[in-house]
Amino acid sequence: MSLGESFSRVLDAARAGAEWGVTALYRDLSDPVLRYLQSQEPMEAEDIASEAWIDVARALPRFRGGEDDLRRFVFTIARRRLVDHRRKAFRRRTQPVPTELMEPHLPKGDVEAEAVGGLTAREGAMALLSRLPPEQAEIVLLRVVGGFTADEVARLVGKRAGTVRVLQHRALSRLAAELAREGVTPERLRAMW
């Protein structure tokens, strides 16, 4: 399909924001763009195409050229959205593992309760300051020493409550492992003070 002699008029209308002009360009190119994306990413093609068309609409006022140039322009944008999608998917890739295979590697007991239960506020604060990354130390100090809930800490540090819980869990797991490696028990920590 081609707009032929009406291309310039349609392009000018689309640049000016006329709905009929944008619709004509979309109708002319949407099927080939979608087919291209479906051949590359069948499950995500429609989402990628919609992102590409949003980018096309934003860039259309700056576009200069003929009908073939516009076709290349639209496909270039679609391909860039495809590449972006693949990069994101690659960074987030996960491979599901059956629970039975993971169970032997999971920590036993309640690591958070064990670590917090064995430390007084002062002991915990001193150990955390020297052994944890600053962000984790701050979270645990606010939770343990400050006595704040995860929601309250989240508001204080500008993070989501789930992120606070994850950081706290990682910090306490790390601290418990380090103390266990060194043979430090809660009683021994108390005796040091």
C-alpha atoms as a PDB file:
ATOM      1  CA  MET A   1       0.000   0.000   0.000  1.00  0.00           C
ATOM      2  CA  SER A   2       1.228   3.464  -0.780  1.00  0.00           C
ATOM      3  CA  LEU A   3      -0.048   6.982  -0.367  1.00  0.00           C
ATOM      4  CA  GLY A   4       1.507   8.049  -3.657  1.00  0.00           C
ATOM      5  CA  GLU A   5       0.710  11.598  -4.754  1.00  0.00           C
ATOM      6  CA  SER A   6      -1.297  12.332  -1.606  1.00  0.00           C
ATOM      7  CA  PHE A   7       1.711  11.654   0.632  1.00  0.00           C
ATOM      8  CA  SER A   8       2.808  15.296   1.024  1.00  0.00           C
ATOM      9  CA  ARG A   9      -0.703  16.428   1.926  1.00  0.00           C
ATOM     10  CA  VAL A  10      -1.161  13.544   4.388  1.00  0.00           C
ATOM     11  CA  LEU A  11       2.250  14.154   5.978  1.00  0.00           C
ATOM     12  CA  ASP A  12       1.589  17.877   6.396  1.00  0.00           C
ATOM     13  CA  ALA A  13      -1.769  17.123   8.001  1.00  0.00           C
ATOM     14  CA  ALA A  14      -0.218  14.546  10.336  1.00  0.00           C
ATOM     15  CA  ARG A  15       2.518  16.997  11.358  1.00  0.00           C
ATOM     16  CA  ALA A  16      -0.159  19.584  12.108  1.00  0.00           C
ATOM     17  CA  GLY A  17      -1.916  17.031  14.334  1.00  0.00           C
ATOM     18  CA  ALA A  18      -4.882  16.301  12.071  1.00  0.00           C
ATOM     19  CA  GLU A  19      -6.307  12.954  13.128  1.00  0.00           C
ATOM     20  CA  TRP A  20      -7.087  11.885   9.561  1.00  0.00           C
ATOM     21  CA  GLY A  21      -3.447  12.468   8.524  1.00  0.00           C
ATOM     22  CA  VAL A  22      -2.019  10.440  11.387  1.00  0.00           C
ATOM     23  CA  THR A  23      -4.588   7.712  10.739  1.00  0.00           C
ATOM     24  CA  ALA A  24      -3.658   7.537   7.056  1.00  0.00           C
ATOM     25  CA  LEU A  25       0.055   7.145   7.871  1.00  0.00           C
ATOM     26  CA  TYR A  26      -0.718   4.552  10.528  1.00  0.00           C
ATOM     27  CA  ARG A  27      -2.965   2.540   8.204  1.00  0.00           C
ATOM     28  CA  ASP A  28      -0.316   2.625   5.511  1.00  0.00           C
ATOM     29  CA  LEU A  29       2.520   1.336   7.702  1.00  0.00           C
ATOM     30  CA  SER A  30       1.092  -0.404  10.768  1.00  0.00           C
ATOM     31  CA  ASP A  31       0.566  -3.844   9.218  1.00  0.00           C
ATOM     32  CA  PRO A  32       4.083  -4.201   7.781  1.00  0.00           C
ATOM     33  CA  VAL A  33       5.630  -2.893  11.012  1.00  0.00           C
ATOM     34  CA  LEU A  34       3.561  -5.293  13.104  1.00  0.00           C
ATOM     35  CA  ARG A  35       4.409  -8.249  10.830  1.00  0.00           C
ATOM     36  CA  TYR A  36       8.108  -7.395  11.141  1.00  0.00           C
ATOM     37  CA  LEU A  37       7.887  -7.233  14.930  1.00  0.00           C
ATOM     38  CA  GLN A  38       5.820 -10.442  15.113  1.00  0.00           C
ATOM     39  CA  SER A  39       8.513 -12.264  13.175  1.00  0.00           C
ATOM     40  CA  GLN A  40      11.063 -11.101  15.738  1.00  0.00           C
ATOM     41  CA  GLU A  41       9.130 -11.156  19.036  1.00  0.00           C
ATOM     42  CA  PRO A  42       5.741 -12.837  18.535  1.00  0.00           C
ATOM     43  CA  MET A  43       4.565 -12.481  22.135  1.00  0.00           C
ATOM     44  CA  GLU A  44       5.535  -8.823  22.552  1.00  0.00           C
ATOM     45  CA  ALA A  45       5.061  -7.459  19.035  1.00  0.00           C
ATOM     46  CA  GLU A  46       1.926  -5.429  19.733  1.00  0.00           C
ATOM     47  CA  ASP A  47       3.404  -3.764  22.814  1.00  0.00           C
ATOM     48  CA  ILE A  48       6.621  -2.932  20.982  1.00  0.00           C
ATOM     49  CA  ALA A  49       4.640  -1.597  18.028  1.00  0.00           C
ATOM     50  CA  SER A  50       2.564   0.671  20.253  1.00  0.00           C
ATOM     51  CA  GLU A  51       5.731   2.069  21.841  1.00  0.00           C
ATOM     52  CA  ALA A  52       7.207   2.602  18.376  1.00  0.00           C
ATOM     53  CA  TRP A  53       4.108   4.465  17.138  1.00  0.00           C
ATOM     54  CA  ILE A  54       4.198   6.733  20.167  1.00  0.00           C
ATOM     55  CA  ASP A  55       7.803   7.570  19.307  1.00  0.00           C
ATOM     56  CA  VAL A  56       6.869   8.121  15.660  1.00  0.00           C
ATOM     57  CA  ALA A  57       4.097  10.519  16.661  1.00  0.00           C
ATOM     58  CA  ARG A  58       6.520  12.484  18.846  1.00  0.00           C
ATOM     59  CA  ALA A  59       9.184  12.666  16.136  1.00  0.00           C
ATOM     60  CA  LEU A  60       6.900  13.295  13.159  1.00  0.00           C
ATOM     61  CA  PRO A  61       7.057  17.110  13.344  1.00  0.00           C
ATOM     62  CA  ARG A  62      10.844  16.896  12.862  1.00  0.00           C
ATOM     63  CA  PHE A  63      10.696  14.405   9.989  1.00  0.00           C
ATOM     64  CA  ARG A  64      11.853  15.556   6.549  1.00  0.00           C
ATOM     65  CA  GLY A  65      11.767  13.431   3.426  1.00  0.00           C
ATOM     66  CA  GLY A  66       9.599  11.445   1.060  1.00  0.00           C
ATOM     67  CA  GLU A  67       7.411   8.402   1.434  1.00  0.00           C
ATOM     68  CA  ASP A  68      10.296   5.913   1.292  1.00  0.00           C
ATOM     69  CA  ASP A  69      12.168   7.986   3.847  1.00  0.00           C
ATOM     70  CA  LEU A  70       9.164   7.874   6.157  1.00  0.00           C
ATOM     71  CA  ARG A  71       8.953   4.100   5.799  1.00  0.00           C
ATOM     72  CA  ARG A  72      12.648   3.779   6.761  1.00  0.00           C
ATOM     73  CA  PHE A  73      12.098   6.247   9.597  1.00  0.00           C
ATOM     74  CA  VAL A  74       9.190   4.256  11.058  1.00  0.00           C
ATOM     75  CA  PHE A  75      10.960   0.903  10.715  1.00  0.00           C
ATOM     76  CA  THR A  76      14.108   2.330  12.299  1.00  0.00           C
ATOM     77  CA  ILE A  77      12.108   3.455  15.307  1.00  0.00           C
ATOM     78  CA  ALA A  78      10.332   0.076  15.504  1.00  0.00           C
ATOM     79  CA  ARG A  79      13.659  -1.743  15.349  1.00  0.00           C
ATOM     80  CA  ARG A  80      15.106   0.462  18.087  1.00  0.00           C
ATOM     81  CA  ARG A  81      12.125  -0.328  20.324  1.00  0.00           C
ATOM     82  CA  LEU A  82      12.697  -4.027  19.558  1.00  0.00           C
ATOM     83  CA  VAL A  83      16.366  -3.746  20.549  1.00  0.00           C
ATOM     84  CA  ASP A  84      15.401  -1.873  23.728  1.00  0.00           C
ATOM     85  CA  HIS A  85      12.887  -4.591  24.568  1.00  0.00           C
ATOM     86  CA  ARG A  86      15.507  -7.305  24.106  1.00  0.00           C
ATOM     87  CA  ARG A  87      18.020  -5.449  26.258  1.00  0.00           C
ATOM     88  CA  LYS A  88      15.486  -5.102  29.050  1.00  0.00           C
ATOM     89  CA  ALA A  89      14.497  -8.747  28.748  1.00  0.00           C
ATOM     90  CA  PHE A  90      18.144  -9.813  28.820  1.00  0.00           C
ATOM     91  CA  ARG A  91      18.812  -7.809  31.982  1.00  0.00           C
ATOM     92  CA  ARG A  92      15.720  -9.264  33.652  1.00  0.00           C
ATOM     93  CA  ARG A  93      16.092 -12.802  32.397  1.00  0.00           C
ATOM     94  CA  THR A  94      15.233 -15.513  34.824  1.00  0.00           C
ATOM     95  CA  GLN A  95      15.016 -19.218  34.503  1.00  0.00           C
ATOM     96  CA  PRO A  96      12.390 -20.827  36.691  1.00  0.00           C
ATOM     97  CA  VAL A  97      13.723 -23.605  38.893  1.00  0.00           C
ATOM     98  CA  PRO A  98      11.530 -26.209  40.566  1.00  0.00           C
ATOM     99  CA  THR A  99      11.099 -25.616  44.295  1.00  0.00           C
ATOM    100  CA  GLU A 100      12.501 -29.065  45.101  1.00  0.00           C
ATOM    101  CA  LEU A 101      15.865 -28.090  43.618  1.00  0.00           C
ATOM    102  CA  MET A 102      16.040 -24.821  45.579  1.00  0.00           C
ATOM    103  CA  GLU A 103      15.010 -26.096  49.034  1.00  0.00           C
ATOM    104  CA  PRO A 104      18.450 -27.484  50.013  1.00  0.00           C
ATOM    105  CA  HIS A 105      19.996 -24.065  49.314  1.00  0.00           C
ATOM    106  CA  LEU A 106      17.477 -21.971  51.255  1.00  0.00           C
ATOM    107  CA  PRO A 107      18.396 -20.740  54.754  1.00  0.00           C
ATOM    108  CA  LYS A 108      16.895 -22.667  57.631  1.00  0.00           C
ATOM    109  CA  GLY A 109      14.900 -20.930  60.338  1.00  0.00           C
ATOM    110  CA  ASP A 110      14.101 -17.256  60.631  1.00  0.00           C
ATOM    111  CA  VAL A 111      17.395 -15.483  59.964  1.00  0.00           C
ATOM    112  CA  GLU A 112      15.995 -12.050  60.764  1.00  0.00           C
ATOM    113  CA  ALA A 113      14.575 -13.117  64.107  1.00  0.00           C
ATOM    114  CA  GLU A 114      17.794 -14.901  65.079  1.00  0.00           C
ATOM    115  CA  ALA A 115      19.999 -11.930  64.234  1.00  0.00           C
ATOM    116  CA  VAL A 116      17.759  -9.334  65.861  1.00  0.00           C
ATOM    117  CA  GLY A 117      17.023 -11.485  68.878  1.00  0.00           C
ATOM    118  CA  GLY A 118      20.701 -11.906  69.682  1.00  0.00           C
ATOM    119  CA  LEU A 119      21.659  -8.267  69.566  1.00  0.00           C
ATOM    120  CA  THR A 120      20.858  -5.368  71.777  1.00  0.00           C
ATOM    121  CA  ALA A 121      20.380  -2.022  70.103  1.00  0.00           C
ATOM    122  CA  ARG A 122      23.875  -0.810  71.006  1.00  0.00           C
ATOM    123  CA  GLU A 123      25.601  -4.038  70.017  1.00  0.00           C
ATOM    124  CA  GLY A 124      23.680  -4.219  66.782  1.00  0.00           C
ATOM    125  CA  ALA A 125      24.413  -0.621  65.911  1.00  0.00           C
ATOM    126  CA  MET A 126      28.158  -1.001  66.461  1.00  0.00           C
ATOM    127  CA  ALA A 127      28.364  -4.255  64.527  1.00  0.00           C
ATOM    128  CA  LEU A 128      26.243  -2.934  61.675  1.00  0.00           C
ATOM    129  CA  LEU A 129      28.194   0.257  61.250  1.00  0.00           C
ATOM    130  CA  SER A 130      31.431  -1.617  60.670  1.00  0.00           C
ATOM    131  CA  ARG A 131      30.190  -4.677  58.788  1.00  0.00           C
ATOM    132  CA  LEU A 132      27.397  -3.602  56.454  1.00  0.00           C
ATOM    133  CA  PRO A 133      27.117  -1.356  53.427  1.00  0.00           C
ATOM    134  CA  PRO A 134      25.817   2.074  54.477  1.00  0.00           C
ATOM    135  CA  GLU A 135      22.363   1.646  52.918  1.00  0.00           C
ATOM    136  CA  GLN A 136      21.747  -1.690  54.642  1.00  0.00           C
ATOM    137  CA  ALA A 137      23.106  -0.399  57.949  1.00  0.00           C
ATOM    138  CA  GLU A 138      20.794   2.593  57.822  1.00  0.00           C
ATOM    139  CA  ILE A 139      17.740   0.441  57.171  1.00  0.00           C
ATOM    140  CA  VAL A 140      18.487  -1.959  60.019  1.00  0.00           C
ATOM    141  CA  LEU A 141      19.384   0.834  62.410  1.00  0.00           C
ATOM    142  CA  LEU A 142      16.099   2.563  61.690  1.00  0.00           C
ATOM    143  CA  ARG A 143      14.187  -0.687  62.112  1.00  0.00           C
ATOM    144  CA  VAL A 144      16.013  -2.068  65.166  1.00  0.00           C
ATOM    145  CA  VAL A 145      17.321   0.990  66.979  1.00  0.00           C
ATOM    146  CA  GLY A 146      14.678   3.423  65.809  1.00  0.00           C
ATOM    147  CA  GLY A 147      11.869   0.913  66.189  1.00  0.00           C
ATOM    148  CA  PHE A 148      10.199   2.017  62.953  1.00  0.00           C
ATOM    149  CA  THR A 149       8.019  -0.245  60.836  1.00  0.00           C
ATOM    150  CA  ALA A 150       9.080  -1.080  57.281  1.00  0.00           C
ATOM    151  CA  ASP A 151       6.480   1.392  55.996  1.00  0.00           C
ATOM    152  CA  GLU A 152       7.817   4.167  58.226  1.00  0.00           C
ATOM    153  CA  VAL A 153      11.419   3.467  57.186  1.00  0.00           C
ATOM    154  CA  ALA A 154      10.330   3.464  53.551  1.00  0.00           C
ATOM    155  CA  ARG A 155       8.906   6.957  53.955  1.00  0.00           C
ATOM    156  CA  LEU A 156      12.028   8.134  55.786  1.00  0.00           C
ATOM    157  CA  VAL A 157      14.520   6.894  53.173  1.00  0.00           C
ATOM    158  CA  GLY A 158      12.354   7.409  50.088  1.00  0.00           C
ATOM    159  CA  LYS A 159      12.006   3.742  49.131  1.00  0.00           C
ATOM    160  CA  ARG A 160       9.174   1.262  48.899  1.00  0.00           C
ATOM    161  CA  ALA A 161       8.355  -0.861  51.950  1.00  0.00           C
ATOM    162  CA  GLY A 162       9.177  -4.049  50.021  1.00  0.00           C
ATOM    163  CA  THR A 163      12.619  -2.688  49.189  1.00  0.00           C
ATOM    164  CA  VAL A 164      13.183  -1.861  52.852  1.00  0.00           C
ATOM    165  CA  ARG A 165      12.256  -5.419  53.836  1.00  0.00           C
ATOM    166  CA  VAL A 166      14.618  -6.890  51.231  1.00  0.00           C
ATOM    167  CA  LEU A 167      17.496  -4.651  52.330  1.00  0.00           C
ATOM    168  CA  GLN A 168      16.829  -5.516  55.959  1.00  0.00           C
ATOM    169  CA  HIS A 169      16.737  -9.236  55.223  1.00  0.00           C
ATOM    170  CA  ARG A 170      19.995  -9.083  53.262  1.00  0.00           C
ATOM    171  CA  ALA A 171      21.693  -7.054  55.985  1.00  0.00           C
ATOM    172  CA  LEU A 172      20.612  -9.318  58.815  1.00  0.00           C
ATOM    173  CA  SER A 173      21.481 -12.453  56.861  1.00  0.00           C
ATOM    174  CA  ARG A 174      24.916 -11.055  56.128  1.00  0.00           C
ATOM    175  CA  LEU A 175      25.475  -9.980  59.706  1.00  0.00           C
ATOM    176  CA  ALA A 176      24.319 -13.331  61.118  1.00  0.00           C
ATOM    177  CA  ALA A 177      26.615 -15.221  58.723  1.00  0.00           C
ATOM    178  CA  GLU A 178      29.624 -13.039  59.568  1.00  0.00           C
ATOM    179  CA  LEU A 179      29.072 -13.376  63.302  1.00  0.00           C
ATOM    180  CA  ALA A 180      28.578 -17.145  63.021  1.00  0.00           C
ATOM    181  CA  ARG A 181      31.814 -17.505  60.997  1.00  0.00           C
ATOM    182  CA  GLU A 182      33.661 -15.690  63.741  1.00  0.00           C
ATOM    183  CA  GLY A 183      32.040 -17.806  66.449  1.00  0.00           C
ATOM    184  CA  VAL A 184      30.488 -14.755  68.049  1.00  0.00           C
ATOM    185  CA  THR A 185      27.406 -15.613  70.059  1.00  0.00           C
ATOM    186  CA  PRO A 186      24.981 -13.084  71.543  1.00  0.00           C
ATOM    187  CA  GLU A 187      26.425 -13.887  74.992  1.00  0.00           C
ATOM    188  CA  ARG A 188      29.974 -13.203  73.811  1.00  0.00           C
ATOM    189  CA  LEU A 189      28.871  -9.885  72.296  1.00  0.00           C
ATOM    190  CA  ARG A 190      27.302  -8.863  75.606  1.00  0.00           C
ATOM    191  CA  ALA A 191      30.477  -9.785  77.466  1.00  0.00           C
ATOM    192  CA  MET A 192      32.542  -7.515  75.184  1.00  0.00           C
ATOM    193  CA  TRP A 193      30.556  -4.499  76.339  1.00  0.00           C
END
